[in-house]
Amino acid sequence: MALLKLAVQYVSSDSNLPKLSEFRQWAKATINVDTEVTIRLVDEEEGRHLNKTYRGKDYATNVLTFPLTEAPHLIGDIVICASVVKSEAVGQNKPLEAHYAHLTVHGLLHLQGYDHEIEAQAELMESIETAIITKLGYANPYLIT
């Protein structure tokens, strides 16, 4: 079983953020190698700044992943913009907790080297995400009602 070292930084002013124990559960369901990760929950201003600085896109996005090392021992950071997550959950008619779970899994898969820029890679990544999320007891994140 892969070891997980997890830190969560709560710097968002948003309320109703997941607990460390929830992030731990979602991460453990996703990783397959020893992993050290910091998840940082931010407000829109920081999310926008990071997305512009590192991706050249001038808007806050839901999740950003910053890998520092590759397997067999992953180290990296995941930044989740709380206001974007909340807005997306409402817009997609999803429970907030389920959307946080999905984006945590999504970020951790990026940390493991998965991507979705090419259609075949996107299909693979989405199928892995769906398998993990449904195993955790949430609905398929790609079925928007």
C-alpha atoms as a PDB file:
ATOM      1  CA  MET A   1       0.000   0.000   0.000  1.00  0.00           C
ATOM      2  CA  ALA A   2       1.300   3.422  -0.958  1.00  0.00           C
ATOM      3  CA  LEU A   3       2.214   5.816   1.821  1.00  0.00           C
ATOM      4  CA  LEU A   4       0.637   9.259   1.878  1.00  0.00           C
ATOM      5  CA  LYS A   5       2.005  12.387   3.506  1.00  0.00           C
ATOM      6  CA  LEU A   6      -0.687  15.042   3.171  1.00  0.00           C
ATOM      7  CA  ALA A   7      -0.902  18.666   4.265  1.00  0.00           C
ATOM      8  CA  VAL A   8      -3.901  20.890   3.632  1.00  0.00           C
ATOM      9  CA  GLN A   9      -3.593  24.672   3.708  1.00  0.00           C
ATOM     10  CA  TYR A  10      -6.881  26.468   4.295  1.00  0.00           C
ATOM     11  CA  VAL A  11      -6.323  30.016   3.025  1.00  0.00           C
ATOM     12  CA  SER A  12      -9.729  30.491   1.410  1.00  0.00           C
ATOM     13  CA  SER A  13     -12.331  32.633   3.108  1.00  0.00           C
ATOM     14  CA  ASP A  14     -14.997  30.255   1.800  1.00  0.00           C
ATOM     15  CA  SER A  15     -16.965  28.245   4.315  1.00  0.00           C
ATOM     16  CA  ASN A  16     -17.947  24.606   4.023  1.00  0.00           C
ATOM     17  CA  LEU A  17     -14.513  23.362   2.969  1.00  0.00           C
ATOM     18  CA  PRO A  18     -13.701  19.645   3.181  1.00  0.00           C
ATOM     19  CA  LYS A  19     -11.892  18.349   6.251  1.00  0.00           C
ATOM     20  CA  LEU A  20      -8.379  16.948   6.214  1.00  0.00           C
ATOM     21  CA  SER A  21      -9.854  13.476   6.787  1.00  0.00           C
ATOM     22  CA  GLU A  22     -11.933  13.773   3.600  1.00  0.00           C
ATOM     23  CA  PHE A  23      -8.931  14.856   1.524  1.00  0.00           C
ATOM     24  CA  ARG A  24      -6.975  11.952   3.019  1.00  0.00           C
ATOM     25  CA  GLN A  25      -9.695   9.455   2.051  1.00  0.00           C
ATOM     26  CA  TRP A  26      -9.879  10.780  -1.522  1.00  0.00           C
ATOM     27  CA  ALA A  27      -6.097  10.830  -1.885  1.00  0.00           C
ATOM     28  CA  LYS A  28      -5.614   7.305  -0.539  1.00  0.00           C
ATOM     29  CA  ALA A  29      -8.164   6.030  -3.058  1.00  0.00           C
ATOM     30  CA  THR A  30      -6.188   7.657  -5.883  1.00  0.00           C
ATOM     31  CA  ILE A  31      -2.480   7.162  -5.259  1.00  0.00           C
ATOM     32  CA  ASN A  32      -0.573   4.017  -6.179  1.00  0.00           C
ATOM     33  CA  VAL A  33       2.954   5.105  -5.168  1.00  0.00           C
ATOM     34  CA  ASP A  34       4.300   6.877  -2.090  1.00  0.00           C
ATOM     35  CA  THR A  35       3.131  10.474  -2.305  1.00  0.00           C
ATOM     36  CA  GLU A  36       3.822  13.721  -0.472  1.00  0.00           C
ATOM     37  CA  VAL A  37       1.313  16.392  -1.416  1.00  0.00           C
ATOM     38  CA  THR A  38       0.116  19.730  -0.148  1.00  0.00           C
ATOM     39  CA  ILE A  39      -3.407  20.753  -1.080  1.00  0.00           C
ATOM     40  CA  ARG A  40      -3.938  24.504  -0.865  1.00  0.00           C
ATOM     41  CA  LEU A  41      -7.495  25.876  -0.843  1.00  0.00           C
ATOM     42  CA  VAL A  42      -7.427  29.419  -2.179  1.00  0.00           C
ATOM     43  CA  ASP A  43      -9.697  32.333  -3.048  1.00  0.00           C
ATOM     44  CA  GLU A  44     -10.230  33.564  -6.589  1.00  0.00           C
ATOM     45  CA  GLU A  45      -7.487  36.215  -6.491  1.00  0.00           C
ATOM     46  CA  GLU A  46      -4.723  33.707  -5.731  1.00  0.00           C
ATOM     47  CA  GLY A  47      -6.198  31.124  -8.100  1.00  0.00           C
ATOM     48  CA  ARG A  48      -6.270  33.648 -10.924  1.00  0.00           C
ATOM     49  CA  HIS A  49      -2.710  34.816 -10.202  1.00  0.00           C
ATOM     50  CA  LEU A  50      -1.351  31.252 -10.242  1.00  0.00           C
ATOM     51  CA  ASN A  51      -3.235  30.304 -13.401  1.00  0.00           C
ATOM     52  CA  LYS A  52      -1.978  33.436 -15.176  1.00  0.00           C
ATOM     53  CA  THR A  53       1.592  33.002 -13.953  1.00  0.00           C
ATOM     54  CA  TYR A  54       1.967  29.293 -14.733  1.00  0.00           C
ATOM     55  CA  ARG A  55      -0.493  28.691 -17.572  1.00  0.00           C
ATOM     56  CA  GLY A  56      -0.863  32.147 -19.139  1.00  0.00           C
ATOM     57  CA  LYS A  57      -4.636  32.102 -18.544  1.00  0.00           C
ATOM     58  CA  ASP A  58      -6.120  35.161 -16.864  1.00  0.00           C
ATOM     59  CA  TYR A  59      -8.892  33.546 -14.816  1.00  0.00           C
ATOM     60  CA  ALA A  60      -9.214  31.399 -11.735  1.00  0.00           C
ATOM     61  CA  THR A  61      -9.538  27.712 -12.551  1.00  0.00           C
ATOM     62  CA  ASN A  62     -10.833  24.914 -10.345  1.00  0.00           C
ATOM     63  CA  VAL A  63      -7.614  22.956  -9.800  1.00  0.00           C
ATOM     64  CA  LEU A  64      -3.919  23.377 -10.603  1.00  0.00           C
ATOM     65  CA  THR A  65      -1.292  20.709 -10.072  1.00  0.00           C
ATOM     66  CA  PHE A  66       2.417  21.354  -9.575  1.00  0.00           C
ATOM     67  CA  PRO A  67       4.456  18.126  -9.653  1.00  0.00           C
ATOM     68  CA  LEU A  68       7.945  18.372  -8.163  1.00  0.00           C
ATOM     69  CA  THR A  69       9.082  14.773  -8.641  1.00  0.00           C
ATOM     70  CA  GLU A  70       7.952  11.702 -10.576  1.00  0.00           C
ATOM     71  CA  ALA A  71       7.369   8.086  -9.547  1.00  0.00           C
ATOM     72  CA  PRO A  72       8.418   6.086  -7.650  1.00  0.00           C
ATOM     73  CA  HIS A  73       7.960   8.804  -4.987  1.00  0.00           C
ATOM     74  CA  LEU A  74       5.672  11.662  -5.940  1.00  0.00           C
ATOM     75  CA  ILE A  75       5.987  15.097  -4.397  1.00  0.00           C
ATOM     76  CA  GLY A  76       3.873  18.039  -5.426  1.00  0.00           C
ATOM     77  CA  ASP A  77       1.282  20.684  -4.721  1.00  0.00           C
ATOM     78  CA  ILE A  78      -2.368  20.934  -5.699  1.00  0.00           C
ATOM     79  CA  VAL A  79      -4.191  24.262  -5.595  1.00  0.00           C
ATOM     80  CA  ILE A  80      -7.995  24.252  -5.486  1.00  0.00           C
ATOM     81  CA  CYS A  81      -9.945  27.486  -5.904  1.00  0.00           C
ATOM     82  CA  ALA A  82     -12.882  27.210  -3.505  1.00  0.00           C
ATOM     83  CA  SER A  83     -15.122  29.806  -5.163  1.00  0.00           C
ATOM     84  CA  VAL A  84     -14.740  28.163  -8.570  1.00  0.00           C
ATOM     85  CA  VAL A  85     -15.502  24.739  -7.105  1.00  0.00           C
ATOM     86  CA  LYS A  86     -18.637  26.079  -5.414  1.00  0.00           C
ATOM     87  CA  SER A  87     -19.808  27.838  -8.571  1.00  0.00           C
ATOM     88  CA  GLU A  88     -19.215  24.767 -10.732  1.00  0.00           C
ATOM     89  CA  ALA A  89     -20.993  22.467  -8.278  1.00  0.00           C
ATOM     90  CA  VAL A  90     -24.067  24.717  -8.330  1.00  0.00           C
ATOM     91  CA  GLY A  91     -23.936  25.132 -12.116  1.00  0.00           C
ATOM     92  CA  GLN A  92     -23.559  21.396 -12.693  1.00  0.00           C
ATOM     93  CA  ASN A  93     -26.114  20.444 -10.040  1.00  0.00           C
ATOM     94  CA  LYS A  94     -23.556  18.400  -8.083  1.00  0.00           C
ATOM     95  CA  PRO A  95     -23.090  18.046  -4.336  1.00  0.00           C
ATOM     96  CA  LEU A  96     -20.196  20.265  -3.238  1.00  0.00           C
ATOM     97  CA  GLU A  97     -18.456  17.399  -1.437  1.00  0.00           C
ATOM     98  CA  ALA A  98     -18.599  15.219  -4.555  1.00  0.00           C
ATOM     99  CA  HIS A  99     -17.093  17.983  -6.687  1.00  0.00           C
ATOM    100  CA  TYR A 100     -14.231  18.489  -4.204  1.00  0.00           C
ATOM    101  CA  ALA A 101     -13.637  14.730  -4.224  1.00  0.00           C
ATOM    102  CA  HIS A 102     -13.540  14.703  -8.024  1.00  0.00           C
ATOM    103  CA  LEU A 103     -11.140  17.639  -8.277  1.00  0.00           C
ATOM    104  CA  THR A 104      -8.865  16.132  -5.635  1.00  0.00           C
ATOM    105  CA  VAL A 105      -8.728  12.868  -7.574  1.00  0.00           C
ATOM    106  CA  HIS A 106      -8.220  14.839 -10.809  1.00  0.00           C
ATOM    107  CA  GLY A 107      -5.312  16.803  -9.330  1.00  0.00           C
ATOM    108  CA  LEU A 108      -3.682  13.687  -7.928  1.00  0.00           C
ATOM    109  CA  LEU A 109      -3.928  11.939 -11.297  1.00  0.00           C
ATOM    110  CA  HIS A 110      -2.163  14.931 -12.871  1.00  0.00           C
ATOM    111  CA  LEU A 111       0.501  14.542 -10.186  1.00  0.00           C
ATOM    112  CA  GLN A 112       0.899  10.930 -11.346  1.00  0.00           C
ATOM    113  CA  GLY A 113       1.449  12.077 -14.931  1.00  0.00           C
ATOM    114  CA  TYR A 114      -2.036  11.723 -16.410  1.00  0.00           C
ATOM    115  CA  ASP A 115      -3.232  14.450 -18.742  1.00  0.00           C
ATOM    116  CA  HIS A 116      -6.254  15.323 -20.855  1.00  0.00           C
ATOM    117  CA  GLU A 117      -4.858  17.451 -23.668  1.00  0.00           C
ATOM    118  CA  ILE A 118      -5.176  14.649 -26.247  1.00  0.00           C
ATOM    119  CA  GLU A 119      -8.538  12.871 -26.677  1.00  0.00           C
ATOM    120  CA  ALA A 120      -7.186   9.377 -25.955  1.00  0.00           C
ATOM    121  CA  GLN A 121      -5.457  10.621 -22.793  1.00  0.00           C
ATOM    122  CA  ALA A 122      -8.614  12.448 -21.721  1.00  0.00           C
ATOM    123  CA  GLU A 123     -10.718   9.297 -22.138  1.00  0.00           C
ATOM    124  CA  LEU A 124      -8.244   7.270 -20.074  1.00  0.00           C
ATOM    125  CA  MET A 125      -8.013   9.892 -17.334  1.00  0.00           C
ATOM    126  CA  GLU A 126     -11.795  10.300 -17.177  1.00  0.00           C
ATOM    127  CA  SER A 127     -12.339   6.549 -16.945  1.00  0.00           C
ATOM    128  CA  ILE A 128      -9.861   6.291 -14.051  1.00  0.00           C
ATOM    129  CA  GLU A 129     -11.463   9.283 -12.297  1.00  0.00           C
ATOM    130  CA  THR A 130     -14.934   7.803 -12.722  1.00  0.00           C
ATOM    131  CA  ALA A 131     -13.827   4.416 -11.341  1.00  0.00           C
ATOM    132  CA  ILE A 132     -12.265   6.041  -8.259  1.00  0.00           C
ATOM    133  CA  ILE A 133     -15.127   8.453  -7.623  1.00  0.00           C
ATOM    134  CA  THR A 134     -17.838   5.808  -7.947  1.00  0.00           C
ATOM    135  CA  LYS A 135     -15.863   3.454  -5.707  1.00  0.00           C
ATOM    136  CA  LEU A 136     -15.874   6.261  -3.120  1.00  0.00           C
ATOM    137  CA  GLY A 137     -19.674   6.329  -3.366  1.00  0.00           C
ATOM    138  CA  TYR A 138     -20.175   9.440  -5.497  1.00  0.00           C
ATOM    139  CA  ALA A 139     -21.925   9.709  -8.862  1.00  0.00           C
ATOM    140  CA  ASN A 140     -20.029   9.728 -12.142  1.00  0.00           C
ATOM    141  CA  PRO A 141     -18.584  13.282 -12.256  1.00  0.00           C
ATOM    142  CA  TYR A 142     -18.991  13.488 -16.012  1.00  0.00           C
ATOM    143  CA  LEU A 143     -22.747  13.002 -15.952  1.00  0.00           C
ATOM    144  CA  ILE A 144     -24.099  16.517 -15.487  1.00  0.00           C
ATOM    145  CA  THR A 145     -27.798  16.717 -14.678  1.00  0.00           C
END
